Amino acid sequence: MRTYRLRTTALAAATAGLALALTACGGSDSAGGPTANPAATKSADKQVSTGTVTPSGEGASAAPSAGKVTGTGTATPAKAGSGGMNKGDTTGDSYAYTHPCSARDLTVKVTSPTGAPATVRVITVTNNGSTSCGLDYFPTVGFSAKGGTLGLQATAPGGLGGAPAYPVHPGATAYAAVDLNPSGGNGPVADEVNVLADKEHMPNADGVSLQLAKPGSVANPKVGLYRTNTRDALSAF
């Protein structure tokens, strides 16, 4: 597999290999806290975009040991050309390229962008840590219904993978769009989306399961590359 490296606004996400899931429309669907297990943690679908979540309550998805988590889904995105070149700088791009993100420092959410097709959602991954970290080119996304996996995984762009490729600065958010049913075909109905922010550098146990308020059919789903904002994410399939 060939390895590529992209800079902040041109960077994105990498290979899939986990059965995970998603669907809904209108507003922010769900938020997942750090180090969440998709099999053991679920967050109720809620109109939430920012705030503090607890691992066992409504709107949270975190492992019992994670404790209270503070995160925001509207953090300022990483900016192109802002990577620090000094060896002592832990907040720039250079540091992120050699330090994969840890799930315990991330908040994962699923939103329904205004004006987007009804089958499209945007996954946001926010870095709550104090140093920059790197993600793969794209998240791994699968789908479930009534707690059981549907065995479907969103297809990602090919030929990408390797070292951390998408830098996320402290407080910044990475965005990746998912289309549940781009062709409008017939498929099983999903009520839950499962997301692993970086399959290249995280175990499956770090995935989050997020319930969706409006179930929908899933057929030939696709996931795009990580970008710095929703608009760019929607054009990065």
Protein backbone atom coordinates (compact mmCIF):
# COMPACT_ATOMS: atom_id res chain seq x y z
CA MET A 1 0.00 0.00 0.00
CA ARG A 2 1.39 3.38 -0.87
CA THR A 3 1.66 6.10 1.72
CA TYR A 4 0.84 9.72 1.07
CA ARG A 5 1.03 12.80 3.28
CA LEU A 6 -1.24 15.78 2.89
CA ARG A 7 -1.19 19.17 4.62
CA THR A 8 -4.02 20.50 6.73
CA THR A 9 -6.69 21.65 4.24
CA ALA A 10 -5.71 19.03 1.71
CA LEU A 11 -5.37 16.21 4.28
CA ALA A 12 -7.83 13.48 4.87
CA ALA A 13 -8.44 10.06 6.26
CA ALA A 14 -7.46 6.26 5.75
CA THR A 15 -8.69 2.65 5.22
CA ALA A 16 -11.59 0.85 6.69
CA GLY A 17 -11.92 -2.51 8.38
CA LEU A 18 -14.51 -2.26 11.16
CA ALA A 19 -18.24 -2.77 10.96
CA LEU A 20 -19.65 0.53 12.23
CA ALA A 21 -22.84 2.71 11.49
CA LEU A 22 -24.87 6.03 10.79
CA THR A 23 -28.05 7.87 9.66
CA ALA A 24 -30.48 10.76 10.51
CA CYS A 25 -31.23 14.34 9.40
CA GLY A 26 -31.49 17.90 10.65
CA GLY A 27 -29.11 19.21 13.34
CA SER A 28 -26.56 17.43 15.49
CA ASP A 29 -27.38 13.78 16.09
CA SER A 30 -25.12 12.44 18.81
CA ALA A 31 -21.88 12.95 20.68
CA GLY A 32 -19.36 10.32 21.72
CA GLY A 33 -16.78 10.91 24.44
CA PRO A 34 -13.18 9.68 24.59
CA THR A 35 -12.19 5.99 24.61
CA ALA A 36 -15.65 4.64 23.84
CA ASN A 37 -16.52 1.02 23.14
CA PRO A 38 -19.12 0.59 20.35
CA ALA A 39 -20.42 -2.63 21.87
CA ALA A 40 -20.84 -1.28 25.38
CA THR A 41 -21.56 2.43 24.96
CA LYS A 42 -24.38 4.30 23.22
CA SER A 43 -25.51 7.93 23.23
CA ALA A 44 -29.12 9.01 22.83
CA ASP A 45 -29.81 11.08 19.72
CA LYS A 46 -29.97 14.68 20.86
CA GLN A 47 -29.70 18.20 19.47
CA VAL A 48 -26.23 18.73 20.89
CA SER A 49 -23.28 20.57 19.39
CA THR A 50 -21.16 21.61 22.35
CA GLY A 51 -20.81 21.04 26.07
CA THR A 52 -19.69 18.65 28.78
CA VAL A 53 -20.84 15.04 28.68
CA THR A 54 -20.64 12.25 31.22
CA PRO A 55 -19.91 8.69 30.12
CA SER A 56 -23.04 7.06 31.47
CA GLY A 57 -25.69 9.71 30.78
CA GLU A 58 -27.80 10.75 27.83
CA GLY A 59 -25.77 12.23 25.02
CA ALA A 60 -22.52 10.55 26.08
CA SER A 61 -20.59 7.58 24.78
CA ALA A 62 -17.50 6.72 26.81
CA ALA A 63 -15.87 3.85 28.63
CA PRO A 64 -16.68 3.64 32.36
CA SER A 65 -13.10 4.51 33.22
CA ALA A 66 -13.09 7.65 31.13
CA GLY A 67 -14.68 9.83 33.83
CA LYS A 68 -16.17 13.21 33.00
CA VAL A 69 -15.31 14.53 29.58
CA THR A 70 -15.36 18.09 28.33
CA GLY A 71 -15.55 18.67 24.59
CA THR A 72 -16.92 20.95 21.90
CA GLY A 73 -18.06 20.18 18.38
CA THR A 74 -17.61 23.75 17.19
CA ALA A 75 -13.92 24.19 17.89
CA THR A 76 -11.85 26.27 15.52
CA PRO A 77 -10.60 23.97 12.76
CA ALA A 78 -6.91 23.51 12.05
CA LYS A 79 -5.55 26.07 9.60
CA ALA A 80 -3.31 25.40 6.66
CA GLY A 81 0.29 26.46 7.07
CA SER A 82 0.00 26.75 10.85
CA GLY A 83 2.12 23.71 11.66
CA GLY A 84 5.06 24.45 13.91
CA MET A 85 8.52 23.52 12.70
CA ASN A 86 10.32 23.89 16.04
CA LYS A 87 11.19 20.60 17.67
CA GLY A 88 9.78 21.84 20.97
CA ASP A 89 6.41 22.80 19.49
CA THR A 90 3.77 20.23 20.42
CA THR A 91 0.84 22.12 18.90
CA GLY A 92 1.83 22.21 15.23
CA ASP A 93 1.51 19.91 12.24
CA SER A 94 4.99 18.38 12.52
CA TYR A 95 4.21 17.04 15.99
CA ALA A 96 0.85 15.67 14.83
CA TYR A 97 2.40 13.71 11.98
CA THR A 98 4.39 11.62 14.46
CA HIS A 99 1.82 11.43 17.29
CA PRO A 100 -1.45 9.59 16.51
CA CYS A 101 -4.53 10.83 18.34
CA SER A 102 -5.62 8.98 21.47
CA ALA A 103 -9.32 8.17 21.76
CA ARG A 104 -9.36 9.47 25.33
CA ASP A 105 -8.65 12.98 23.98
CA LEU A 106 -11.34 12.93 21.31
CA THR A 107 -15.05 13.75 21.16
CA VAL A 108 -16.91 12.17 18.25
CA LYS A 109 -20.26 13.47 16.98
CA VAL A 110 -22.59 12.98 14.04
CA THR A 111 -24.43 15.97 12.59
CA SER A 112 -27.00 16.53 9.85
CA PRO A 113 -25.78 19.54 7.84
CA THR A 114 -28.42 21.99 6.65
CA GLY A 115 -29.01 21.84 2.92
CA ALA A 116 -27.27 18.48 2.44
CA PRO A 117 -29.08 15.46 0.95
CA ALA A 118 -31.21 13.56 3.47
CA THR A 119 -28.86 10.58 3.31
CA VAL A 120 -25.74 12.59 4.20
CA ARG A 121 -24.26 13.09 7.67
CA VAL A 122 -21.04 14.68 8.86
CA ILE A 123 -18.83 13.10 11.51
CA THR A 124 -16.87 15.53 13.66
CA VAL A 125 -13.81 14.55 15.68
CA THR A 126 -12.59 17.16 18.17
CA ASN A 127 -9.19 17.13 19.86
CA ASN A 128 -9.70 17.98 23.54
CA GLY A 129 -6.02 17.45 24.36
CA SER A 130 -3.32 20.07 24.93
CA THR A 131 -1.09 18.88 22.05
CA SER A 132 -1.65 18.30 18.35
CA CYS A 133 -2.31 14.76 17.17
CA GLY A 134 -2.69 12.97 13.86
CA LEU A 135 -5.62 11.03 12.41
CA ASP A 136 -5.77 8.68 9.47
CA TYR A 137 -7.21 10.09 6.22
CA PHE A 138 -10.81 9.19 7.12
CA PRO A 139 -12.87 7.52 9.86
CA THR A 140 -14.17 3.97 9.65
CA VAL A 141 -17.96 3.91 9.63
CA GLY A 142 -20.44 1.04 9.94
CA PHE A 143 -24.14 0.62 10.70
CA SER A 144 -26.34 -1.23 13.17
CA ALA A 145 -30.03 -1.81 13.89
CA LYS A 146 -31.54 -2.66 17.26
CA GLY A 147 -28.08 -3.25 18.68
CA GLY A 148 -26.96 -5.67 15.99
CA THR A 149 -24.48 -4.92 13.23
CA LEU A 150 -25.81 -4.84 9.68
CA GLY A 151 -22.47 -5.99 8.29
CA LEU A 152 -22.20 -2.87 6.14
CA GLN A 153 -19.23 -0.52 6.08
CA ALA A 154 -18.89 2.80 4.30
CA THR A 155 -16.48 2.69 1.37
CA ALA A 156 -13.55 5.08 1.60
CA PRO A 157 -11.28 6.51 -1.11
CA GLY A 158 -8.67 3.93 -2.13
CA GLY A 159 -4.89 4.08 -2.12
CA LEU A 160 -4.55 5.95 1.17
CA GLY A 161 -3.05 4.79 4.43
CA GLY A 162 -0.01 4.77 6.65
CA ALA A 163 1.36 7.22 9.17
CA PRO A 164 -0.89 9.89 10.76
CA ALA A 165 -1.93 12.06 7.82
CA TYR A 166 -4.44 14.59 9.12
CA PRO A 167 -3.19 16.96 11.87
CA VAL A 168 -5.69 18.12 14.48
CA HIS A 169 -4.51 20.98 16.68
CA PRO A 170 -5.63 21.35 20.34
CA GLY A 171 -9.30 22.36 20.36
CA ALA A 172 -9.66 21.83 16.60
CA THR A 173 -12.18 19.62 14.81
CA ALA A 174 -11.86 17.31 11.82
CA TYR A 175 -14.92 16.79 9.59
CA ALA A 176 -15.78 13.78 7.42
CA ALA A 177 -18.99 13.33 5.42
CA VAL A 178 -20.88 10.03 5.14
CA ASP A 179 -23.56 9.19 2.58
CA LEU A 180 -25.71 6.29 3.76
CA ASN A 181 -27.41 5.65 0.44
CA PRO A 182 -25.85 7.62 -2.42
CA SER A 183 -27.63 5.62 -5.14
CA GLY A 184 -31.05 5.55 -3.49
CA GLY A 185 -31.10 1.77 -3.55
CA ASN A 186 -32.95 -0.63 -1.27
CA GLY A 187 -31.12 -1.66 1.87
CA PRO A 188 -31.59 -2.58 5.51
CA VAL A 189 -32.70 0.16 7.89
CA ALA A 190 -30.09 1.39 10.36
CA ASP A 191 -30.84 3.20 13.60
CA GLU A 192 -27.26 3.54 14.75
CA VAL A 193 -23.91 4.65 13.37
CA ASN A 194 -20.62 3.20 14.64
CA VAL A 195 -17.50 5.32 14.22
CA LEU A 196 -13.82 4.59 14.74
CA ALA A 197 -11.91 7.85 14.28
CA ASP A 198 -8.66 6.20 13.14
CA LYS A 199 -8.51 2.48 12.39
CA GLU A 200 -4.82 2.67 11.48
CA HIS A 201 -3.81 3.65 15.01
CA MET A 202 -6.72 2.72 17.30
CA PRO A 203 -8.16 -0.62 18.44
CA ASN A 204 -11.80 -1.40 17.61
CA ALA A 205 -12.65 -0.89 21.28
CA ASP A 206 -12.07 2.85 20.78
CA GLY A 207 -15.08 3.13 18.46
CA VAL A 208 -18.30 4.86 19.46
CA SER A 209 -21.92 3.83 18.79
CA LEU A 210 -24.36 6.68 18.27
CA GLN A 211 -28.11 6.22 18.04
CA LEU A 212 -29.95 8.13 15.33
CA ALA A 213 -33.35 9.74 15.80
CA LYS A 214 -34.49 8.98 12.25
CA PRO A 215 -33.60 5.49 10.98
CA GLY A 216 -32.90 5.13 7.28
CA SER A 217 -31.94 2.56 4.67
CA VAL A 218 -28.27 1.92 3.97
CA ALA A 219 -27.01 0.83 0.55
CA ASN A 220 -23.49 1.20 -0.83
CA PRO A 221 -22.56 3.82 1.80
CA LYS A 222 -19.53 6.06 1.30
CA VAL A 223 -17.30 8.04 3.65
CA GLY A 224 -15.15 10.99 2.62
CA LEU A 225 -11.81 12.39 3.72
CA TYR A 226 -11.25 14.47 6.83
CA ARG A 227 -11.44 18.20 6.16
CA THR A 228 -11.36 21.41 8.20
CA ASN A 229 -15.03 22.32 7.80
CA THR A 230 -18.40 20.87 6.78
CA ARG A 231 -18.45 22.45 3.34
CA ASP A 232 -15.13 20.93 2.35
CA ALA A 233 -16.07 17.58 3.89
CA LEU A 234 -19.18 17.36 1.71
CA SER A 235 -17.03 17.65 -1.41
CA ALA A 236 -14.38 15.14 -0.27
CA PHE A 237 -16.05 11.82 -1.11
